[in-house]
Amino acid sequence: MISTFWPLAQILSIYLSIYLSQSRYIDLSAYLFFLSIYFILFLCLSIYLSIYLSIYFSHFLSIFPSIYFILFIYLSVSVTLYRSFCLSIYFSHIISIYLSIYLSFSVTLYIYLSIQYNFFFIYLSIYLSIYLSIYPFIAIFFSLLHSFFLSISFLISFCELFLAESIYI
């Protein structure tokens, strides 16, 4: 079941990034409101699940590793969908598809390493949940910074053109 569910989640993530990249009318205030609520909920949920798994399921990991795997798939799929949603708004659809595939593979690699080698689970999962929650805000900040510098360069080139036109006259 897991082996069929995981590629379907990746295909759904890619489809969502394509669909959202083609939509042109997005209310920015509603999007930021949704982003802040989802950030708080996801951060609380992922930290709670990581602590819950590390405390209550630590003695079951050797017997039932599938519980650990299924709950982490839930986290990684929600992260993948969330990042493909954020990336598809601020980047072109091809870049958002490649980034969502790459980031979901990195989450999959983390799941595999955690199951195989049983790293310091609570520290790594809390760090990963905080990083994955903050990552879309970093992408939004740099895209807004890039658009700000583009508008400044456009303004400077417009002023240069206006000054050259006035000097020529």
C-alpha atoms as a PDB file:
ATOM      1  CA  MET A   1       0.000   0.000   0.000  1.00  0.00           C
ATOM      2  CA  ILE A   2       2.811   2.396   0.861  1.00  0.00           C
ATOM      3  CA  SER A   3       4.685   1.592  -2.337  1.00  0.00           C
ATOM      4  CA  THR A   4       1.637   2.608  -4.392  1.00  0.00           C
ATOM      5  CA  PHE A   5       0.663   5.566  -2.222  1.00  0.00           C
ATOM      6  CA  TRP A   6       4.003   7.372  -2.338  1.00  0.00           C
ATOM      7  CA  PRO A   7       4.313   7.768  -6.186  1.00  0.00           C
ATOM      8  CA  LEU A   8       0.659   8.829  -6.311  1.00  0.00           C
ATOM      9  CA  ALA A   9       1.414  11.547  -3.786  1.00  0.00           C
ATOM     10  CA  GLN A  10       4.339  12.733  -5.891  1.00  0.00           C
ATOM     11  CA  ILE A  11       2.185  12.820  -9.034  1.00  0.00           C
ATOM     12  CA  LEU A  12      -0.469  14.762  -7.125  1.00  0.00           C
ATOM     13  CA  SER A  13       2.171  17.226  -5.959  1.00  0.00           C
ATOM     14  CA  ILE A  14       3.449  17.755  -9.518  1.00  0.00           C
ATOM     15  CA  TYR A  15      -0.108  18.167 -10.837  1.00  0.00           C
ATOM     16  CA  LEU A  16      -0.880  20.694  -8.108  1.00  0.00           C
ATOM     17  CA  SER A  17       2.214  22.738  -8.920  1.00  0.00           C
ATOM     18  CA  ILE A  18       1.306  22.772 -12.635  1.00  0.00           C
ATOM     19  CA  TYR A  19      -2.301  23.738 -11.907  1.00  0.00           C
ATOM     20  CA  LEU A  20      -1.396  26.535  -9.508  1.00  0.00           C
ATOM     21  CA  SER A  21       1.323  27.924 -11.756  1.00  0.00           C
ATOM     22  CA  GLN A  22      -1.226  28.425 -14.534  1.00  0.00           C
ATOM     23  CA  SER A  23      -3.699  30.297 -12.343  1.00  0.00           C
ATOM     24  CA  ARG A  24      -3.263  34.045 -12.784  1.00  0.00           C
ATOM     25  CA  TYR A  25      -5.597  35.596 -10.234  1.00  0.00           C
ATOM     26  CA  ILE A  26      -4.395  35.033  -6.678  1.00  0.00           C
ATOM     27  CA  ASP A  27      -5.391  37.227  -3.760  1.00  0.00           C
ATOM     28  CA  LEU A  28      -2.126  37.993  -1.982  1.00  0.00           C
ATOM     29  CA  SER A  29      -3.663  38.879   1.393  1.00  0.00           C
ATOM     30  CA  ALA A  30      -5.707  35.665   1.509  1.00  0.00           C
ATOM     31  CA  TYR A  31      -2.637  33.718   0.442  1.00  0.00           C
ATOM     32  CA  LEU A  32      -0.478  35.243   3.196  1.00  0.00           C
ATOM     33  CA  PHE A  33      -3.221  34.612   5.751  1.00  0.00           C
ATOM     34  CA  PHE A  34      -3.420  30.972   4.659  1.00  0.00           C
ATOM     35  CA  LEU A  35       0.367  30.724   4.700  1.00  0.00           C
ATOM     36  CA  SER A  36       0.695  32.023   8.253  1.00  0.00           C
ATOM     37  CA  ILE A  37      -2.049  29.732   9.580  1.00  0.00           C
ATOM     38  CA  TYR A  38      -0.600  26.727   7.775  1.00  0.00           C
ATOM     39  CA  PHE A  39       2.890  27.585   9.033  1.00  0.00           C
ATOM     40  CA  ILE A  40       1.757  27.620  12.674  1.00  0.00           C
ATOM     41  CA  LEU A  41      -0.363  24.478  12.337  1.00  0.00           C
ATOM     42  CA  PHE A  42       2.276  22.538  10.460  1.00  0.00           C
ATOM     43  CA  LEU A  43       5.052  23.528  12.832  1.00  0.00           C
ATOM     44  CA  CYS A  44       3.013  22.509  15.891  1.00  0.00           C
ATOM     45  CA  LEU A  45       1.861  19.280  14.275  1.00  0.00           C
ATOM     46  CA  SER A  46       5.285  18.199  13.094  1.00  0.00           C
ATOM     47  CA  ILE A  47       6.989  18.957  16.412  1.00  0.00           C
ATOM     48  CA  TYR A  48       4.182  17.188  18.278  1.00  0.00           C
ATOM     49  CA  LEU A  49       4.394  14.141  16.029  1.00  0.00           C
ATOM     50  CA  SER A  50       8.168  13.973  16.266  1.00  0.00           C
ATOM     51  CA  ILE A  51       8.112  14.116  20.072  1.00  0.00           C
ATOM     52  CA  TYR A  52       5.183  11.696  20.240  1.00  0.00           C
ATOM     53  CA  LEU A  53       6.904   9.207  17.970  1.00  0.00           C
ATOM     54  CA  SER A  54      10.236   9.436  19.738  1.00  0.00           C
ATOM     55  CA  ILE A  55       8.721   8.975  23.217  1.00  0.00           C
ATOM     56  CA  TYR A  56       5.800   6.594  22.761  1.00  0.00           C
ATOM     57  CA  PHE A  57       6.898   4.597  19.719  1.00  0.00           C
ATOM     58  CA  SER A  58      10.593   4.197  20.498  1.00  0.00           C
ATOM     59  CA  HIS A  59      10.185   0.621  21.756  1.00  0.00           C
ATOM     60  CA  PHE A  60       7.960  -0.259  18.760  1.00  0.00           C
ATOM     61  CA  LEU A  61      10.443   0.881  16.111  1.00  0.00           C
ATOM     62  CA  SER A  62      12.228  -2.428  15.933  1.00  0.00           C
ATOM     63  CA  ILE A  63       8.943  -4.380  15.860  1.00  0.00           C
ATOM     64  CA  PHE A  64       6.639  -2.074  13.876  1.00  0.00           C
ATOM     65  CA  PRO A  65       8.687   0.338  11.728  1.00  0.00           C
ATOM     66  CA  SER A  66       5.707   0.787   9.390  1.00  0.00           C
ATOM     67  CA  ILE A  67       3.907   3.031  11.938  1.00  0.00           C
ATOM     68  CA  TYR A  68       6.890   5.335  11.954  1.00  0.00           C
ATOM     69  CA  PHE A  69       7.046   5.244   8.164  1.00  0.00           C
ATOM     70  CA  ILE A  70       3.339   5.971   7.591  1.00  0.00           C
ATOM     71  CA  LEU A  71       3.277   8.965   9.943  1.00  0.00           C
ATOM     72  CA  PHE A  72       6.390  10.415   8.399  1.00  0.00           C
ATOM     73  CA  ILE A  73       4.914   9.923   4.926  1.00  0.00           C
ATOM     74  CA  TYR A  74       1.978  12.056   6.083  1.00  0.00           C
ATOM     75  CA  LEU A  75       4.381  14.815   7.101  1.00  0.00           C
ATOM     76  CA  SER A  76       6.482  14.625   3.950  1.00  0.00           C
ATOM     77  CA  VAL A  77       3.477  14.559   1.610  1.00  0.00           C
ATOM     78  CA  SER A  78       1.958  17.613   3.301  1.00  0.00           C
ATOM     79  CA  VAL A  79       5.333  19.366   3.105  1.00  0.00           C
ATOM     80  CA  THR A  80       5.669  18.490  -0.587  1.00  0.00           C
ATOM     81  CA  LEU A  81       2.194  19.748  -1.457  1.00  0.00           C
ATOM     82  CA  TYR A  82       2.727  22.893   0.591  1.00  0.00           C
ATOM     83  CA  ARG A  83       6.056  23.718  -1.030  1.00  0.00           C
ATOM     84  CA  SER A  84       4.794  23.009  -4.523  1.00  0.00           C
ATOM     85  CA  PHE A  85       1.903  25.376  -3.784  1.00  0.00           C
ATOM     86  CA  CYS A  86       4.273  28.113  -2.609  1.00  0.00           C
ATOM     87  CA  LEU A  87       6.842  27.610  -5.338  1.00  0.00           C
ATOM     88  CA  SER A  88       4.304  27.515  -8.157  1.00  0.00           C
ATOM     89  CA  ILE A  89       3.074  30.992  -7.280  1.00  0.00           C
ATOM     90  CA  TYR A  90       6.449  32.704  -7.224  1.00  0.00           C
ATOM     91  CA  PHE A  91       8.347  30.756  -9.877  1.00  0.00           C
ATOM     92  CA  SER A  92       7.618  29.382 -13.311  1.00  0.00           C
ATOM     93  CA  HIS A  93       5.901  26.017 -13.496  1.00  0.00           C
ATOM     94  CA  ILE A  94       8.951  24.094 -14.766  1.00  0.00           C
ATOM     95  CA  ILE A  95      11.160  25.293 -11.909  1.00  0.00           C
ATOM     96  CA  SER A  96       8.440  24.541  -9.354  1.00  0.00           C
ATOM     97  CA  ILE A  97       8.008  21.009 -10.716  1.00  0.00           C
ATOM     98  CA  TYR A  98      11.742  20.297 -10.529  1.00  0.00           C
ATOM     99  CA  LEU A  99      12.053  21.796  -7.061  1.00  0.00           C
ATOM    100  CA  SER A 100       9.062  19.907  -5.676  1.00  0.00           C
ATOM    101  CA  ILE A 101      10.454  16.626  -7.056  1.00  0.00           C
ATOM    102  CA  TYR A 102      13.917  17.351  -5.644  1.00  0.00           C
ATOM    103  CA  LEU A 103      12.648  18.372  -2.213  1.00  0.00           C
ATOM    104  CA  SER A 104      10.318  15.395  -1.945  1.00  0.00           C
ATOM    105  CA  PHE A 105      13.221  13.090  -2.787  1.00  0.00           C
ATOM    106  CA  SER A 106      15.260  14.720  -0.023  1.00  0.00           C
ATOM    107  CA  VAL A 107      12.441  14.036   2.440  1.00  0.00           C
ATOM    108  CA  THR A 108      12.263  10.447   1.191  1.00  0.00           C
ATOM    109  CA  LEU A 109      16.009  10.063   1.709  1.00  0.00           C
ATOM    110  CA  TYR A 110      15.637  11.372   5.258  1.00  0.00           C
ATOM    111  CA  ILE A 111      12.875   8.828   5.951  1.00  0.00           C
ATOM    112  CA  TYR A 112      15.031   6.006   4.604  1.00  0.00           C
ATOM    113  CA  LEU A 113      18.083   7.004   6.647  1.00  0.00           C
ATOM    114  CA  SER A 114      16.028   7.398   9.802  1.00  0.00           C
ATOM    115  CA  ILE A 115      14.514   3.941   9.423  1.00  0.00           C
ATOM    116  CA  GLN A 116      17.754   2.195   8.485  1.00  0.00           C
ATOM    117  CA  TYR A 117      20.225   3.796  10.861  1.00  0.00           C
ATOM    118  CA  ASN A 118      17.960   5.198  13.633  1.00  0.00           C
ATOM    119  CA  PHE A 119      19.617   8.600  13.967  1.00  0.00           C
ATOM    120  CA  PHE A 120      18.890  11.023  16.790  1.00  0.00           C
ATOM    121  CA  PHE A 121      15.259  11.106  15.779  1.00  0.00           C
ATOM    122  CA  ILE A 122      13.860  13.847  17.945  1.00  0.00           C
ATOM    123  CA  TYR A 123      16.600  16.381  17.118  1.00  0.00           C
ATOM    124  CA  LEU A 124      16.627  15.663  13.416  1.00  0.00           C
ATOM    125  CA  SER A 125      12.860  15.666  13.046  1.00  0.00           C
ATOM    126  CA  ILE A 126      12.392  18.919  14.969  1.00  0.00           C
ATOM    127  CA  TYR A 127      15.171  20.535  12.953  1.00  0.00           C
ATOM    128  CA  LEU A 128      13.711  19.240   9.709  1.00  0.00           C
ATOM    129  CA  SER A 129      10.181  20.347  10.572  1.00  0.00           C
ATOM    130  CA  ILE A 130      11.348  23.865  11.450  1.00  0.00           C
ATOM    131  CA  TYR A 131      13.478  24.058   8.301  1.00  0.00           C
ATOM    132  CA  LEU A 132      10.711  22.803   6.023  1.00  0.00           C
ATOM    133  CA  SER A 133       8.210  25.187   7.587  1.00  0.00           C
ATOM    134  CA  ILE A 134      10.467  28.227   7.205  1.00  0.00           C
ATOM    135  CA  TYR A 135      11.643  27.306   3.684  1.00  0.00           C
ATOM    136  CA  PRO A 136       8.660  28.777   1.757  1.00  0.00           C
ATOM    137  CA  PHE A 137       9.025  32.042   3.669  1.00  0.00           C
ATOM    138  CA  ILE A 138      12.689  32.193   2.613  1.00  0.00           C
ATOM    139  CA  ALA A 139      11.650  31.587  -1.009  1.00  0.00           C
ATOM    140  CA  ILE A 140       8.953  34.270  -0.758  1.00  0.00           C
ATOM    141  CA  PHE A 141      11.395  36.749   0.818  1.00  0.00           C
ATOM    142  CA  PHE A 142      14.004  36.299  -1.903  1.00  0.00           C
ATOM    143  CA  SER A 143      11.417  36.453  -4.687  1.00  0.00           C
ATOM    144  CA  LEU A 144      10.017  39.682  -3.248  1.00  0.00           C
ATOM    145  CA  LEU A 145      13.551  41.033  -2.862  1.00  0.00           C
ATOM    146  CA  HIS A 146      14.277  40.097  -6.464  1.00  0.00           C
ATOM    147  CA  SER A 147      11.122  41.857  -7.684  1.00  0.00           C
ATOM    148  CA  PHE A 148      12.055  44.913  -5.596  1.00  0.00           C
ATOM    149  CA  PHE A 149      15.487  45.124  -7.220  1.00  0.00           C
ATOM    150  CA  LEU A 150      13.925  44.589 -10.632  1.00  0.00           C
ATOM    151  CA  SER A 151      11.546  47.490 -10.066  1.00  0.00           C
ATOM    152  CA  ILE A 152      14.425  49.706  -8.887  1.00  0.00           C
ATOM    153  CA  SER A 153      16.485  48.830 -11.968  1.00  0.00           C
ATOM    154  CA  PHE A 154      13.467  49.490 -14.172  1.00  0.00           C
ATOM    155  CA  LEU A 155      12.985  52.867 -12.463  1.00  0.00           C
ATOM    156  CA  ILE A 156      16.666  53.748 -12.915  1.00  0.00           C
ATOM    157  CA  SER A 157      16.608  52.801 -16.602  1.00  0.00           C
ATOM    158  CA  PHE A 158      13.414  54.836 -17.066  1.00  0.00           C
ATOM    159  CA  CYS A 159      15.068  57.874 -15.404  1.00  0.00           C
ATOM    160  CA  GLU A 160      18.147  57.443 -17.580  1.00  0.00           C
ATOM    161  CA  LEU A 161      15.968  57.295 -20.669  1.00  0.00           C
ATOM    162  CA  PHE A 162      14.047  60.392 -19.534  1.00  0.00           C
ATOM    163  CA  LEU A 163      17.283  62.298 -18.814  1.00  0.00           C
ATOM    164  CA  ALA A 164      18.775  61.276 -22.161  1.00  0.00           C
ATOM    165  CA  GLU A 165      15.607  62.402 -23.905  1.00  0.00           C
ATOM    166  CA  SER A 166      15.604  65.765 -22.102  1.00  0.00           C
ATOM    167  CA  ILE A 167      19.309  66.342 -22.802  1.00  0.00           C
ATOM    168  CA  TYR A 168      18.789  65.465 -26.452  1.00  0.00           C
ATOM    169  CA  ILE A 169      15.946  68.000 -26.744  1.00  0.00           C
END
